[in-house]
PDB file of N, CA and C in Angstrom:
ATOM      1  N   MET A   1      61.282  73.380 129.997  1.00  0.00           N
ATOM      2  CA  MET A   1      62.240  72.419 129.481  1.00  0.00           C
ATOM      3  C   MET A   1      62.123  72.369 127.964  1.00  0.00           C
ATOM      4  N   ARG A   2      63.237  72.446 127.311  1.00  0.00           N
ATOM      5  CA  ARG A   2      63.272  72.422 125.862  1.00  0.00           C
ATOM      6  C   ARG A   2      63.272  70.973 125.369  1.00  0.00           C
ATOM      7  N   ARG A   3      62.436  70.690 124.389  1.00  0.00           N
ATOM      8  CA  ARG A   3      62.368  69.346 123.815  1.00  0.00           C
ATOM      9  C   ARG A   3      63.019  69.341 122.447  1.00  0.00           C
ATOM     10  N   GLY A   4      63.467  68.190 122.026  1.00  0.00           N
ATOM     11  CA  GLY A   4      64.086  68.048 120.723  1.00  0.00           C
ATOM     12  C   GLY A   4      65.298  67.150 120.827  1.00  0.00           C
ATOM     13  N   PHE A   5      66.022  67.079 119.763  1.00  0.00           N
ATOM     14  CA  PHE A   5      67.181  66.212 119.706  1.00  0.00           C
ATOM     15  C   PHE A   5      68.337  66.825 120.472  1.00  0.00           C
ATOM     16  N   ASP A   6      68.918  66.057 121.351  1.00  0.00           N
ATOM     17  CA  ASP A   6      70.058  66.514 122.140  1.00  0.00           C
ATOM     18  C   ASP A   6      71.340  66.151 121.390  1.00  0.00           C
ATOM     19  N   ARG A   7      71.974  67.134 120.780  1.00  0.00           N
ATOM     20  CA  ARG A   7      73.165  66.900 119.967  1.00  0.00           C
ATOM     21  C   ARG A   7      74.379  66.499 120.814  1.00  0.00           C
ATOM     22  N   SER A   8      74.276  66.651 122.098  1.00  0.00           N
ATOM     23  CA  SER A   8      75.410  66.268 122.941  1.00  0.00           C
ATOM     24  C   SER A   8      75.492  64.749 123.136  1.00  0.00           C
ATOM     25  N   LEU A   9      74.404  64.051 122.815  1.00  0.00           N
ATOM     26  CA  LEU A   9      74.423  62.588 122.916  1.00  0.00           C
ATOM     27  C   LEU A   9      75.254  62.017 121.776  1.00  0.00           C
ATOM     28  N   ASN A  10      76.010  60.996 122.065  1.00  0.00           N
ATOM     29  CA  ASN A  10      76.826  60.355 121.044  1.00  0.00           C
ATOM     30  C   ASN A  10      76.035  59.176 120.480  1.00  0.00           C
ATOM     31  N   LEU A  11      75.263  59.452 119.447  1.00  0.00           N
ATOM     32  CA  LEU A  11      74.437  58.416 118.831  1.00  0.00           C
ATOM     33  C   LEU A  11      74.935  58.129 117.413  1.00  0.00           C
ATOM     34  N   ASP A  12      76.160  57.711 117.318  1.00  0.00           N
ATOM     35  CA  ASP A  12      76.751  57.446 116.017  1.00  0.00           C
ATOM     36  C   ASP A  12      76.256  56.091 115.498  1.00  0.00           C
ATOM     37  N   LEU A  13      75.078  56.112 114.865  1.00  0.00           N
ATOM     38  CA  LEU A  13      74.497  54.878 114.342  1.00  0.00           C
ATOM     39  C   LEU A  13      75.140  54.465 113.033  1.00  0.00           C
ATOM     40  N   PHE A  14      75.818  55.406 112.386  1.00  0.00           N
ATOM     41  CA  PHE A  14      76.364  55.114 111.071  1.00  0.00           C
ATOM     42  C   PHE A  14      77.855  54.840 111.134  1.00  0.00           C
ATOM     43  N   ASP A  15      78.236  53.899 111.982  1.00  0.00           N
ATOM     44  CA  ASP A  15      79.627  53.471 111.969  1.00  0.00           C
ATOM     45  C   ASP A  15      79.816  52.567 110.744  1.00  0.00           C
ATOM     46  N   ASP A  16      80.964  51.984 110.587  1.00  0.00           N
ATOM     47  CA  ASP A  16      81.281  51.234 109.373  1.00  0.00           C
ATOM     48  C   ASP A  16      80.273  50.137 109.031  1.00  0.00           C
ATOM     49  N   GLN A  17      79.698  49.487 110.032  1.00  0.00           N
ATOM     50  CA  GLN A  17      78.781  48.387 109.741  1.00  0.00           C
ATOM     51  C   GLN A  17      77.465  48.865 109.139  1.00  0.00           C
ATOM     52  N   TRP A  18      77.176  50.143 109.247  1.00  0.00           N
ATOM     53  CA  TRP A  18      75.923  50.681 108.724  1.00  0.00           C
ATOM     54  C   TRP A  18      76.106  51.529 107.466  1.00  0.00           C
ATOM     55  N   LEU A  19      77.310  51.655 106.960  1.00  0.00           N
ATOM     56  CA  LEU A  19      77.551  52.485 105.786  1.00  0.00           C
ATOM     57  C   LEU A  19      76.770  52.019 104.556  1.00  0.00           C
ATOM     58  N   TRP A  20      76.488  50.739 104.459  1.00  0.00           N
ATOM     59  CA  TRP A  20      75.740  50.228 103.320  1.00  0.00           C
ATOM     60  C   TRP A  20      74.364  50.862 103.218  1.00  0.00           C
ATOM     61  N   LEU A  21      73.827  51.352 104.345  1.00  0.00           N
ATOM     62  CA  LEU A  21      72.516  52.001 104.319  1.00  0.00           C
ATOM     63  C   LEU A  21      72.550  53.311 103.528  1.00  0.00           C
ATOM     64  N   GLN A  22      73.696  53.960 103.503  1.00  0.00           N
ATOM     65  CA  GLN A  22      73.827  55.232 102.810  1.00  0.00           C
ATOM     66  C   GLN A  22      74.154  55.062 101.332  1.00  0.00           C
ATOM     67  N   SER A  23      74.530  53.890 100.928  1.00  0.00           N
ATOM     68  CA  SER A  23      74.951  53.640  99.554  1.00  0.00           C
ATOM     69  C   SER A  23      73.749  53.601  98.619  1.00  0.00           C
ATOM     70  N   THR A  24      73.938  54.076  97.406  1.00  0.00           N
ATOM     71  CA  THR A  24      72.888  53.996  96.391  1.00  0.00           C
ATOM     72  C   THR A  24      73.091  52.785  95.485  1.00  0.00           C
ATOM     73  N   GLU A  25      74.199  52.070  95.685  1.00  0.00           N
ATOM     74  CA  GLU A  25      74.462  50.872  94.881  1.00  0.00           C
ATOM     75  C   GLU A  25      73.594  49.719  95.366  1.00  0.00           C
ATOM     76  N   THR A  26      73.191  48.881  94.413  1.00  0.00           N
ATOM     77  CA  THR A  26      72.406  47.712  94.800  1.00  0.00           C
ATOM     78  C   THR A  26      73.308  46.715  95.515  1.00  0.00           C
ATOM     79  N   LEU A  27      72.727  46.053  96.479  1.00  0.00           N
ATOM     80  CA  LEU A  27      73.477  45.056  97.236  1.00  0.00           C
ATOM     81  C   LEU A  27      73.540  43.762  96.437  1.00  0.00           C
ATOM     82  N   PRO A  28      74.679  43.117  96.427  1.00  0.00           N
ATOM     83  CA  PRO A  28      74.748  41.825  95.726  1.00  0.00           C
ATOM     84  C   PRO A  28      73.912  40.801  96.480  1.00  0.00           C
ATOM     85  N   GLU A  29      73.161  40.022  95.723  1.00  0.00           N
ATOM     86  CA  GLU A  29      72.360  38.990  96.368  1.00  0.00           C
ATOM     87  C   GLU A  29      73.265  37.850  96.802  1.00  0.00           C
ATOM     88  N   GLU A  30      73.021  37.386  97.993  1.00  0.00           N
ATOM     89  CA  GLU A  30      73.786  36.248  98.474  1.00  0.00           C
ATOM     90  C   GLU A  30      73.086  34.973  98.029  1.00  0.00           C
ATOM     91  N   VAL A  31      73.831  34.089  97.435  1.00  0.00           N
ATOM     92  CA  VAL A  31      73.291  32.808  97.011  1.00  0.00           C
ATOM     93  C   VAL A  31      73.384  31.857  98.193  1.00  0.00           C
ATOM     94  N   PRO A  32      72.238  31.282  98.562  1.00  0.00           N
ATOM     95  CA  PRO A  32      72.295  30.366  99.706  1.00  0.00           C
ATOM     96  C   PRO A  32      73.179  29.166  99.387  1.00  0.00           C
ATOM     97  N   PRO A  33      73.970  28.748 100.335  1.00  0.00           N
ATOM     98  CA  PRO A  33      74.874  27.618 100.096  1.00  0.00           C
ATOM     99  C   PRO A  33      74.142  26.283 100.215  1.00  0.00           C
ATOM    100  N   TRP A  34      73.227  26.025  99.286  1.00  0.00           N
ATOM    101  CA  TRP A  34      72.472  24.782  99.320  1.00  0.00           C
ATOM    102  C   TRP A  34      73.293  23.658  98.725  1.00  0.00           C
ATOM    103  N   THR A  35      73.196  22.515  99.349  1.00  0.00           N
ATOM    104  CA  THR A  35      73.852  21.325  98.812  1.00  0.00           C
ATOM    105  C   THR A  35      72.895  20.639  97.834  1.00  0.00           C
ATOM    106  N   ASP A  36      73.429  19.740  97.036  1.00  0.00           N
ATOM    107  CA  ASP A  36      72.584  18.972  96.117  1.00  0.00           C
ATOM    108  C   ASP A  36      71.541  18.171  96.892  1.00  0.00           C
ATOM    109  N   THR A  37      71.917  17.681  98.057  1.00  0.00           N
ATOM    110  CA  THR A  37      70.987  16.917  98.896  1.00  0.00           C
ATOM    111  C   THR A  37      69.827  17.795  99.367  1.00  0.00           C
ATOM    112  N   GLU A  38      70.134  19.017  99.763  1.00  0.00           N
ATOM    113  CA  GLU A  38      69.078  19.934 100.221  1.00  0.00           C
ATOM    114  C   GLU A  38      68.146  20.310  99.075  1.00  0.00           C
ATOM    115  N   ILE A  39      68.692  20.537  97.900  1.00  0.00           N
ATOM    116  CA  ILE A  39      67.866  20.870  96.738  1.00  0.00           C
ATOM    117  C   ILE A  39      66.966  19.690  96.387  1.00  0.00           C
ATOM    118  N   ALA A  40      67.512  18.478  96.420  1.00  0.00           N
ATOM    119  CA  ALA A  40      66.709  17.283  96.145  1.00  0.00           C
ATOM    120  C   ALA A  40      65.597  17.146  97.181  1.00  0.00           C
ATOM    121  N   HIS A  41      65.897  17.432  98.432  1.00  0.00           N
ATOM    122  CA  HIS A  41      64.882  17.359  99.491  1.00  0.00           C
ATOM    123  C   HIS A  41      63.762  18.372  99.245  1.00  0.00           C
ATOM    124  N   ILE A  42      64.127  19.591  98.840  1.00  0.00           N
ATOM    125  CA  ILE A  42      63.123  20.620  98.544  1.00  0.00           C
ATOM    126  C   ILE A  42      62.243  20.166  97.381  1.00  0.00           C
ATOM    127  N   CYS A  43      62.863  19.614  96.342  1.00  0.00           N
ATOM    128  CA  CYS A  43      62.093  19.128  95.188  1.00  0.00           C
ATOM    129  C   CYS A  43      61.143  18.009  95.592  1.00  0.00           C
ATOM    130  N   ASP A  44      61.639  17.060  96.374  1.00  0.00           N
ATOM    131  CA  ASP A  44      60.786  15.957  96.848  1.00  0.00           C
ATOM    132  C   ASP A  44      59.598  16.495  97.643  1.00  0.00           C
ATOM    133  N   CYS A  45      59.862  17.406  98.555  1.00  0.00           N
ATOM    134  CA  CYS A  45      58.795  17.970  99.393  1.00  0.00           C
ATOM    135  C   CYS A  45      57.794  18.776  98.564  1.00  0.00           C
ATOM    136  N   LEU A  46      58.306  19.539  97.605  1.00  0.00           N
ATOM    137  CA  LEU A  46      57.427  20.332  96.756  1.00  0.00           C
ATOM    138  C   LEU A  46      56.510  19.436  95.939  1.00  0.00           C
ATOM    139  N   LEU A  47      57.049  18.383  95.379  1.00  0.00           N
ATOM    140  CA  LEU A  47      56.227  17.421  94.635  1.00  0.00           C
ATOM    141  C   LEU A  47      55.185  16.767  95.535  1.00  0.00           C
ATOM    142  N   GLU A  48      55.645  16.260  96.670  1.00  0.00           N
ATOM    143  CA  GLU A  48      54.735  15.556  97.584  1.00  0.00           C
ATOM    144  C   GLU A  48      53.622  16.471  98.088  1.00  0.00           C
ATOM    145  N   ASP A  49      53.993  17.660  98.551  1.00  0.00           N
ATOM    146  CA  ASP A  49      52.985  18.586  99.078  1.00  0.00           C
ATOM    147  C   ASP A  49      52.020  19.047  97.993  1.00  0.00           C
ATOM    148  N   SER A  50      52.549  19.339  96.810  1.00  0.00           N
ATOM    149  CA  SER A  50      51.693  19.813  95.721  1.00  0.00           C
ATOM    150  C   SER A  50      50.692  18.750  95.296  1.00  0.00           C
ATOM    151  N   LEU A  51      51.165  17.529  95.133  1.00  0.00           N
ATOM    152  CA  LEU A  51      50.260  16.459  94.716  1.00  0.00           C
ATOM    153  C   LEU A  51      49.258  16.122  95.807  1.00  0.00           C
ATOM    154  N   HIS A  52      49.689  16.165  97.047  1.00  0.00           N
ATOM    155  CA  HIS A  52      48.757  15.950  98.159  1.00  0.00           C
ATOM    156  C   HIS A  52      47.678  17.031  98.161  1.00  0.00           C
ATOM    157  N   ASN A  53      48.099  18.289  98.027  1.00  0.00           N
ATOM    158  CA  ASN A  53      47.152  19.398  98.062  1.00  0.00           C
ATOM    159  C   ASN A  53      46.212  19.405  96.860  1.00  0.00           C
ATOM    160  N   LEU A  54      46.686  18.909  95.727  1.00  0.00           N
ATOM    161  CA  LEU A  54      45.843  18.864  94.536  1.00  0.00           C
ATOM    162  C   LEU A  54      44.610  17.995  94.770  1.00  0.00           C
ATOM    163  N   PHE A  55      44.774  16.933  95.540  1.00  0.00           N
ATOM    164  CA  PHE A  55      43.674  16.013  95.789  1.00  0.00           C
ATOM    165  C   PHE A  55      43.010  16.208  97.147  1.00  0.00           C
ATOM    166  N   ASP A  56      43.440  17.206  97.884  1.00  0.00           N
ATOM    167  CA  ASP A  56      42.856  17.494  99.188  1.00  0.00           C
ATOM    168  C   ASP A  56      41.656  18.415  98.975  1.00  0.00           C
ATOM    169  N   GLY A  57      40.484  17.908  99.244  1.00  0.00           N
ATOM    170  CA  GLY A  57      39.258  18.671  99.031  1.00  0.00           C
ATOM    171  C   GLY A  57      39.154  19.925  99.877  1.00  0.00           C
ATOM    172  N   ARG A  58      40.035  20.083 100.863  1.00  0.00           N
ATOM    173  CA  ARG A  58      39.986  21.263 101.724  1.00  0.00           C
ATOM    174  C   ARG A  58      40.739  22.449 101.139  1.00  0.00           C
ATOM    175  N   CYS A  59      41.535  22.216 100.103  1.00  0.00           N
ATOM    176  CA  CYS A  59      42.310  23.313  99.496  1.00  0.00           C
ATOM    177  C   CYS A  59      41.405  24.205  98.669  1.00  0.00           C
ATOM    178  N   SER A  60      41.753  25.461  98.633  1.00  0.00           N
ATOM    179  CA  SER A  60      40.965  26.411  97.847  1.00  0.00           C
ATOM    180  C   SER A  60      41.136  26.129  96.362  1.00  0.00           C
ATOM    181  N   MET A  61      40.175  26.598  95.582  1.00  0.00           N
ATOM    182  CA  MET A  61      40.268  26.427  94.138  1.00  0.00           C
ATOM    183  C   MET A  61      41.476  27.183  93.596  1.00  0.00           C
ATOM    184  N   LYS A  62      41.826  28.302  94.228  1.00  0.00           N
ATOM    185  CA  LYS A  62      43.003  29.067  93.809  1.00  0.00           C
ATOM    186  C   LYS A  62      44.263  28.202  93.929  1.00  0.00           C
ATOM    187  N   THR A  63      44.391  27.483  95.033  1.00  0.00           N
ATOM    188  CA  THR A  63      45.547  26.604  95.244  1.00  0.00           C
ATOM    189  C   THR A  63      45.552  25.473  94.225  1.00  0.00           C
ATOM    190  N   VAL A  64      44.400  24.883  93.990  1.00  0.00           N
ATOM    191  CA  VAL A  64      44.288  23.788  93.025  1.00  0.00           C
ATOM    192  C   VAL A  64      44.692  24.269  91.630  1.00  0.00           C
ATOM    193  N   VAL A  65      44.223  25.448  91.236  1.00  0.00           N
ATOM    194  CA  VAL A  65      44.561  25.997  89.916  1.00  0.00           C
ATOM    195  C   VAL A  65      46.057  26.287  89.825  1.00  0.00           C
ATOM    196  N   GLU A  66      46.639  26.828  90.902  1.00  0.00           N
ATOM    197  CA  GLU A  66      48.081  27.091  90.933  1.00  0.00           C
ATOM    198  C   GLU A  66      48.882  25.808  90.712  1.00  0.00           C
ATOM    199  N   ILE A  67      48.503  24.751  91.414  1.00  0.00           N
ATOM    200  CA  ILE A  67      49.205  23.468  91.291  1.00  0.00           C
ATOM    201  C   ILE A  67      48.987  22.885  89.897  1.00  0.00           C
ATOM    202  N   TYR A  68      47.768  22.960  89.405  1.00  0.00           N
ATOM    203  CA  TYR A  68      47.459  22.454  88.065  1.00  0.00           C
ATOM    204  C   TYR A  68      48.316  23.172  87.020  1.00  0.00           C
ATOM    205  N   ASN A  69      48.408  24.493  87.145  1.00  0.00           N
ATOM    206  CA  ASN A  69      49.222  25.279  86.202  1.00  0.00           C
ATOM    207  C   ASN A  69      50.701  24.916  86.323  1.00  0.00           C
ATOM    208  N   TRP A  70      51.171  24.666  87.545  1.00  0.00           N
ATOM    209  CA  TRP A  70      52.564  24.261  87.778  1.00  0.00           C
ATOM    210  C   TRP A  70      52.835  22.928  87.073  1.00  0.00           C
ATOM    211  N   LEU A  71      51.874  21.987  87.194  1.00  0.00           N
ATOM    212  CA  LEU A  71      52.016  20.664  86.574  1.00  0.00           C
ATOM    213  C   LEU A  71      52.027  20.722  85.053  1.00  0.00           C
ATOM    214  N   THR A  72      51.243  21.607  84.498  1.00  0.00           N
ATOM    215  CA  THR A  72      51.047  21.607  83.047  1.00  0.00           C
ATOM    216  C   THR A  72      51.922  22.614  82.311  1.00  0.00           C
ATOM    217  N   ASN A  73      52.706  23.414  83.018  1.00  0.00           N
ATOM    218  CA  ASN A  73      53.573  24.402  82.380  1.00  0.00           C
ATOM    219  C   ASN A  73      54.878  23.725  81.953  1.00  0.00           C
ATOM    220  N   ILE A  74      54.927  23.317  80.689  1.00  0.00           N
ATOM    221  CA  ILE A  74      56.114  22.577  80.229  1.00  0.00           C
ATOM    222  C   ILE A  74      57.261  23.502  79.832  1.00  0.00           C
ATOM    223  N   GLY A  75      57.011  24.797  79.735  1.00  0.00           N
ATOM    224  CA  GLY A  75      58.063  25.736  79.358  1.00  0.00           C
ATOM    225  C   GLY A  75      58.660  26.492  80.526  1.00  0.00           C
ATOM    226  N   ASP A  76      58.326  26.097  81.742  1.00  0.00           N
ATOM    227  CA  ASP A  76      58.799  26.806  82.943  1.00  0.00           C
ATOM    228  C   ASP A  76      60.283  26.540  83.152  1.00  0.00           C
ATOM    229  N   LEU A  77      61.076  27.609  83.203  1.00  0.00           N
ATOM    230  CA  LEU A  77      62.525  27.484  83.397  1.00  0.00           C
ATOM    231  C   LEU A  77      62.938  27.605  84.862  1.00  0.00           C
ATOM    232  N   ASN A  78      61.980  27.776  85.741  1.00  0.00           N
ATOM    233  CA  ASN A  78      62.235  27.902  87.167  1.00  0.00           C
ATOM    234  C   ASN A  78      62.953  26.653  87.669  1.00  0.00           C
ATOM    235  N   PRO A  79      63.971  26.813  88.518  1.00  0.00           N
ATOM    236  CA  PRO A  79      64.676  25.633  89.037  1.00  0.00           C
ATOM    237  C   PRO A  79      63.761  24.686  89.826  1.00  0.00           C
ATOM    238  N   PHE A  80      62.654  25.208  90.323  1.00  0.00           N
ATOM    239  CA  PHE A  80      61.724  24.371  91.079  1.00  0.00           C
ATOM    240  C   PHE A  80      60.424  24.157  90.299  1.00  0.00           C
ATOM    241  N   SER A  81      60.537  24.140  88.972  1.00  0.00           N
ATOM    242  CA  SER A  81      59.378  23.811  88.136  1.00  0.00           C
ATOM    243  C   SER A  81      59.033  22.332  88.341  1.00  0.00           C
ATOM    244  N   PHE A  82      57.847  21.959  87.908  1.00  0.00           N
ATOM    245  CA  PHE A  82      57.429  20.563  88.026  1.00  0.00           C
ATOM    246  C   PHE A  82      58.423  19.642  87.315  1.00  0.00           C
ATOM    247  N   ILE A  83      58.800  20.007  86.094  1.00  0.00           N
ATOM    248  CA  ILE A  83      59.723  19.161  85.318  1.00  0.00           C
ATOM    249  C   ILE A  83      61.062  19.026  86.025  1.00  0.00           C
ATOM    250  N   ASN A  84      61.609  20.127  86.506  1.00  0.00           N
ATOM    251  CA  ASN A  84      62.903  20.068  87.195  1.00  0.00           C
ATOM    252  C   ASN A  84      62.810  19.280  88.495  1.00  0.00           C
ATOM    253  N   CYS A  85      61.729  19.477  89.245  1.00  0.00           N
ATOM    254  CA  CYS A  85      61.570  18.723  90.499  1.00  0.00           C
ATOM    255  C   CYS A  85      61.491  17.219  90.223  1.00  0.00           C
ATOM    256  N   CYS A  86      60.760  16.845  89.181  1.00  0.00           N
ATOM    257  CA  CYS A  86      60.675  15.423  88.840  1.00  0.00           C
ATOM    258  C   CYS A  86      62.042  14.873  88.462  1.00  0.00           C
ATOM    259  N   LYS A  87      62.768  15.600  87.622  1.00  0.00           N
ATOM    260  CA  LYS A  87      64.080  15.122  87.189  1.00  0.00           C
ATOM    261  C   LYS A  87      65.039  14.981  88.362  1.00  0.00           C
ATOM    262  N   VAL A  88      65.044  15.974  89.259  1.00  0.00           N
ATOM    263  CA  VAL A  88      65.927  15.911  90.434  1.00  0.00           C
ATOM    264  C   VAL A  88      65.537  14.732  91.323  1.00  0.00           C
ATOM    265  N   SER A  89      64.237  14.429  91.371  1.00  0.00           N
ATOM    266  CA  SER A  89      63.750  13.333  92.219  1.00  0.00           C
ATOM    267  C   SER A  89      63.846  11.980  91.523  1.00  0.00           C
ATOM    268  N   GLY A  90      64.340  11.959  90.285  1.00  0.00           N
ATOM    269  CA  GLY A  90      64.496  10.697  89.565  1.00  0.00           C
ATOM    270  C   GLY A  90      63.193  10.168  88.986  1.00  0.00           C
ATOM    271  N   LEU A  91      62.239  11.046  88.725  1.00  0.00           N
ATOM    272  CA  LEU A  91      60.944  10.644  88.184  1.00  0.00           C
ATOM    273  C   LEU A  91      60.776  11.183  86.771  1.00  0.00           C
ATOM    274  N   ASP A  92      59.970  10.484  85.984  1.00  0.00           N
ATOM    275  CA  ASP A  92      59.670  10.949  84.633  1.00  0.00           C
ATOM    276  C   ASP A  92      58.502  11.929  84.722  1.00  0.00           C
ATOM    277  N   PRO A  93      58.730  13.207  84.391  1.00  0.00           N
ATOM    278  CA  PRO A  93      57.660  14.205  84.541  1.00  0.00           C
ATOM    279  C   PRO A  93      56.435  13.902  83.689  1.00  0.00           C
ATOM    280  N   ASN A  94      56.627  13.326  82.494  1.00  0.00           N
ATOM    281  CA  ASN A  94      55.472  13.021  81.638  1.00  0.00           C
ATOM    282  C   ASN A  94      54.626  11.900  82.231  1.00  0.00           C
ATOM    283  N   ASP A  95      55.271  10.870  82.757  1.00  0.00           N
ATOM    284  CA  ASP A  95      54.527   9.772  83.382  1.00  0.00           C
ATOM    285  C   ASP A  95      53.759  10.263  84.609  1.00  0.00           C
ATOM    286  N   ILE A  96      54.425  11.043  85.448  1.00  0.00           N
ATOM    287  CA  ILE A  96      53.769  11.566  86.662  1.00  0.00           C
ATOM    288  C   ILE A  96      52.615  12.470  86.279  1.00  0.00           C
ATOM    289  N   ARG A  97      52.857  13.391  85.331  1.00  0.00           N
ATOM    290  CA  ARG A  97      51.806  14.330  84.913  1.00  0.00           C
ATOM    291  C   ARG A  97      50.604  13.574  84.361  1.00  0.00           C
ATOM    292  N   ASP A  98      50.844  12.591  83.477  1.00  0.00           N
ATOM    293  CA  ASP A  98      49.740  11.833  82.878  1.00  0.00           C
ATOM    294  C   ASP A  98      48.934  11.095  83.949  1.00  0.00           C
ATOM    295  N   ALA A  99      49.624  10.465  84.890  1.00  0.00           N
ATOM    296  CA  ALA A  99      48.927   9.723  85.954  1.00  0.00           C
ATOM    297  C   ALA A  99      48.128  10.672  86.845  1.00  0.00           C
ATOM    298  N   VAL A 100      48.747  11.791  87.221  1.00  0.00           N
ATOM    299  CA  VAL A 100      48.076  12.738  88.114  1.00  0.00           C
ATOM    300  C   VAL A 100      46.879  13.370  87.423  1.00  0.00           C
ATOM    301  N   LEU A 101      47.057  13.821  86.189  1.00  0.00           N
ATOM    302  CA  LEU A 101      45.948  14.470  85.483  1.00  0.00           C
ATOM    303  C   LEU A 101      44.827  13.495  85.176  1.00  0.00           C
ATOM    304  N   GLY A 102      45.177  12.236  84.904  1.00  0.00           N
ATOM    305  CA  GLY A 102      44.142  11.223  84.695  1.00  0.00           C
ATOM    306  C   GLY A 102      43.298  11.037  85.945  1.00  0.00           C
ATOM    307  N   LYS A 103      43.953  10.969  87.087  1.00  0.00           N
ATOM    308  CA  LYS A 103      43.232  10.822  88.349  1.00  0.00           C
ATOM    309  C   LYS A 103      42.479  12.109  88.695  1.00  0.00           C
ATOM    310  N   PHE A 104      43.113  13.234  88.463  1.00  0.00           N
ATOM    311  CA  PHE A 104      42.513  14.541  88.772  1.00  0.00           C
ATOM    312  C   PHE A 104      41.233  14.750  87.976  1.00  0.00           C
ATOM    313  N   GLU A 105      41.259  14.407  86.695  1.00  0.00           N
ATOM    314  CA  GLU A 105      40.096  14.648  85.845  1.00  0.00           C
ATOM    315  C   GLU A 105      38.963  13.665  86.119  1.00  0.00           C
ATOM    316  N   SER A 106      39.239  12.584  86.827  1.00  0.00           N
ATOM    317  CA  SER A 106      38.174  11.634  87.158  1.00  0.00           C
ATOM    318  C   SER A 106      37.409  12.035  88.423  1.00  0.00           C
ATOM    319  N   ILE A 107      37.904  13.048  89.136  1.00  0.00           N
ATOM    320  CA  ILE A 107      37.228  13.514  90.351  1.00  0.00           C
ATOM    321  C   ILE A 107      36.068  14.412  89.955  1.00  0.00           C
ATOM    322  N   PRO A 108      34.868  14.165  90.484  1.00  0.00           N
ATOM    323  CA  PRO A 108      33.729  15.018  90.160  1.00  0.00           C
ATOM    324  C   PRO A 108      34.027  16.485  90.555  1.00  0.00           C
ATOM    325  N   ASN A 109      33.596  17.409  89.746  1.00  0.00           N
ATOM    326  CA  ASN A 109      33.769  18.863  89.955  1.00  0.00           C
ATOM    327  C   ASN A 109      35.200  19.319  89.847  1.00  0.00           C
ATOM    328  N   ARG A 110      36.111  18.503  89.375  1.00  0.00           N
ATOM    329  CA  ARG A 110      37.511  18.925  89.192  1.00  0.00           C
ATOM    330  C   ARG A 110      37.941  18.527  87.779  1.00  0.00           C
ATOM    331  N   LYS A 111      37.562  19.310  86.821  1.00  0.00           N
ATOM    332  CA  LYS A 111      37.938  19.057  85.433  1.00  0.00           C
ATOM    333  C   LYS A 111      39.084  19.956  85.073  1.00  0.00           C
ATOM    334  N   SER A 112      39.844  19.581  84.040  1.00  0.00           N
ATOM    335  CA  SER A 112      40.994  20.392  83.621  1.00  0.00           C
ATOM    336  C   SER A 112      40.530  21.763  83.174  1.00  0.00           C
ATOM    337  N   HIS A 113      41.437  22.735  83.309  1.00  0.00           N
ATOM    338  CA  HIS A 113      41.135  24.137  83.041  1.00  0.00           C
ATOM    339  C   HIS A 113      41.713  24.542  81.723  1.00  0.00           C
TER     340      HIS A 113
END
């Protein structure tokens, strides 16, 4: 018995819906249709989770440093930066940062970096 690809089979995988696989052009990125409410919810959750994790002694030092850097990066243009999340949530980023860092630096073995 001969083995190999049987050309008599009709395996047309490249019909119109698959033509994009053959293209060398970059695919346009689809922007998720997020509402303002959903973005505000993401910002609220990101703030809450980050601040909770910053003070959770079970988090790794890598996570703590990541959150600390997120809090203190005042030039971050990311839509989900600390400053943007605070503004979307109706909070003053400087007041929150000062309060959090004051509490953070009072914890033994957790000094600013």
